[in-house]
Amino acid sequence: MAAGGGGFEDPSAEVLAEAAAAFGLLASAARLHIVWALAQGESDVTGLAERVGGALPAVSQHLTKLKLAGLVRSRREGRRQVYFVDDADVVTVVRLVVGQLADRAERTSVSVRRLRGL
C-alpha cells in the first residue's frame, strides 16, 4: 500500500473492490431505504415492505442481495425471518450520509421558501 496525501495508507485493491461492491448495493434507493429502516430496528420482510412501500417479492430479493453482501443478517423467530443490521459501521455510514442529505434538503427548502416569501 502506498502512502497517499495526509499520510494515510492507500487500501489494497481487494479492499477497494469490496467497498465498491457494498456502495454499489447501497446505490439502489430501495436497498438504501431497507438498510435505513433496519438501522432503526429489526423487522420481518412484511414490515419492511410496508415501511418502504415495496412489493413483498421485491423487498425479499433486495434482502437476499444485502445478506449475501454481509450488510444485513437475519435470524428465525418461530415462523418469521427477522432482519437486522448488526454492523455498527454500516449503520454509521448510512445514518451519516442520509442524515446529511436530509439536512441539506431541508436547508435548501427553507431557503427557497424564504425567497418566495412563504
Protein backbone atom coordinates (compact mmCIF):
# COMPACT_ATOMS: atom_id res chain seq x y z
CA MET A 1 0.00 0.00 0.00
CA ALA A 2 1.27 3.41 -0.94
CA ALA A 3 1.01 6.44 1.29
CA GLY A 4 -1.48 8.94 0.00
CA GLY A 5 -1.95 12.59 0.84
CA GLY A 6 -2.12 13.29 4.56
CA GLY A 7 -0.07 10.23 5.48
CA PHE A 8 -2.87 7.69 5.08
CA GLU A 9 -2.08 4.33 3.54
CA ASP A 10 -3.99 3.51 0.38
CA PRO A 11 -6.19 0.43 0.82
CA SER A 12 -5.47 -2.69 -1.19
CA ALA A 13 -7.23 -3.33 -4.47
CA GLU A 14 -9.25 -6.09 -2.76
CA VAL A 15 -10.49 -3.74 -0.04
CA LEU A 16 -11.42 -1.09 -2.61
CA ALA A 17 -13.29 -3.67 -4.70
CA GLU A 18 -15.21 -4.87 -1.63
CA ALA A 19 -16.09 -1.29 -0.65
CA ALA A 20 -17.20 -0.50 -4.20
CA ALA A 21 -19.46 -3.56 -4.19
CA ALA A 22 -21.03 -2.53 -0.88
CA PHE A 23 -21.57 1.04 -2.07
CA GLY A 24 -22.93 -0.33 -5.35
CA LEU A 25 -25.60 -2.27 -3.45
CA LEU A 26 -26.49 0.86 -1.48
CA ALA A 27 -26.75 2.85 -4.72
CA SER A 28 -30.26 1.44 -5.10
CA ALA A 29 -32.74 3.75 -3.37
CA ALA A 30 -34.87 0.75 -2.39
CA ARG A 31 -31.97 -1.12 -0.78
CA LEU A 32 -30.73 2.03 0.93
CA HIS A 33 -34.23 2.58 2.35
CA ILE A 34 -34.26 -1.01 3.63
CA VAL A 35 -30.87 -0.60 5.32
CA TRP A 36 -32.00 2.77 6.74
CA ALA A 37 -35.12 1.14 8.17
CA LEU A 38 -33.13 -1.76 9.62
CA ALA A 39 -30.63 0.68 11.14
CA GLN A 40 -33.57 1.99 13.18
CA GLY A 41 -34.53 -1.51 14.35
CA GLU A 42 -35.06 -5.07 13.21
CA SER A 43 -38.05 -6.15 11.13
CA ASP A 44 -39.50 -9.00 9.14
CA VAL A 45 -39.99 -8.77 5.38
CA THR A 46 -43.68 -7.87 5.68
CA GLY A 47 -42.95 -4.95 8.00
CA LEU A 48 -40.15 -3.76 5.75
CA ALA A 49 -42.33 -3.96 2.64
CA GLU A 50 -44.98 -1.85 4.37
CA ARG A 51 -42.44 0.67 5.64
CA VAL A 52 -40.55 1.16 2.39
CA GLY A 53 -43.62 0.86 0.16
CA GLY A 54 -42.28 -2.05 -1.85
CA ALA A 55 -43.82 -5.27 -3.07
CA LEU A 56 -43.06 -8.24 -0.83
CA PRO A 57 -41.16 -10.23 -3.51
CA ALA A 58 -39.03 -7.20 -4.45
CA VAL A 59 -38.14 -6.43 -0.82
CA SER A 60 -37.30 -10.10 -0.30
CA GLN A 61 -34.94 -10.04 -3.29
CA HIS A 62 -33.26 -6.87 -2.02
CA LEU A 63 -32.79 -8.50 1.40
CA THR A 64 -31.20 -11.55 -0.22
CA LYS A 65 -28.66 -9.36 -2.03
CA LEU A 66 -27.92 -7.37 1.14
CA LYS A 67 -27.47 -10.61 3.11
CA LEU A 68 -25.10 -12.07 0.51
CA ALA A 69 -23.01 -8.90 0.73
CA GLY A 70 -22.91 -9.13 4.52
CA LEU A 71 -24.71 -5.81 5.01
CA VAL A 72 -27.79 -7.41 6.60
CA ARG A 73 -28.26 -10.50 8.74
CA SER A 74 -31.30 -12.48 9.79
CA ARG A 75 -32.50 -14.90 12.42
CA ARG A 76 -35.53 -17.12 12.69
CA GLU A 77 -38.20 -16.34 15.27
CA GLY A 78 -40.78 -19.08 15.04
CA ARG A 79 -42.12 -18.92 11.51
CA ARG A 80 -40.75 -15.42 10.84
CA GLN A 81 -37.37 -14.42 9.49
CA VAL A 82 -36.25 -11.23 11.27
CA TYR A 83 -33.72 -8.99 9.53
CA PHE A 84 -31.26 -6.60 11.14
CA VAL A 85 -28.01 -4.71 10.63
CA ASP A 86 -25.55 -5.59 13.34
CA ASP A 87 -22.51 -3.86 11.88
CA ALA A 88 -22.23 -0.52 13.66
CA ASP A 89 -20.05 0.87 10.86
CA VAL A 90 -22.72 0.22 8.21
CA VAL A 91 -25.32 1.91 10.43
CA THR A 92 -22.99 4.88 10.98
CA VAL A 93 -22.26 5.36 7.28
CA VAL A 94 -25.92 5.11 6.25
CA ARG A 95 -27.12 7.43 9.02
CA LEU A 96 -24.36 9.94 8.27
CA VAL A 97 -24.90 10.11 4.52
CA VAL A 98 -28.70 10.04 4.59
CA GLY A 99 -28.83 12.42 7.56
CA GLN A 100 -26.52 14.94 5.88
CA LEU A 101 -28.51 14.84 2.65
CA ALA A 102 -31.80 15.23 4.52
CA ASP A 103 -30.41 18.24 6.41
CA ARG A 104 -29.15 19.75 3.16
CA ALA A 105 -32.53 19.25 1.50
CA GLU A 106 -34.29 20.87 4.48
CA ARG A 107 -31.93 23.89 4.41
CA THR A 108 -32.49 24.29 0.67
CA SER A 109 -36.24 24.02 1.11
CA VAL A 110 -36.22 26.65 3.87
CA SER A 111 -34.08 28.97 1.71
CA VAL A 112 -36.43 28.59 -1.26
CA ARG A 113 -39.47 29.28 0.93
CA ARG A 114 -37.78 32.42 2.29
CA LEU A 115 -37.01 33.63 -1.23
CA ARG A 116 -40.63 33.08 -2.21
CA GLY A 117 -41.82 34.88 0.92
CA LEU A 118 -43.67 31.84 2.28
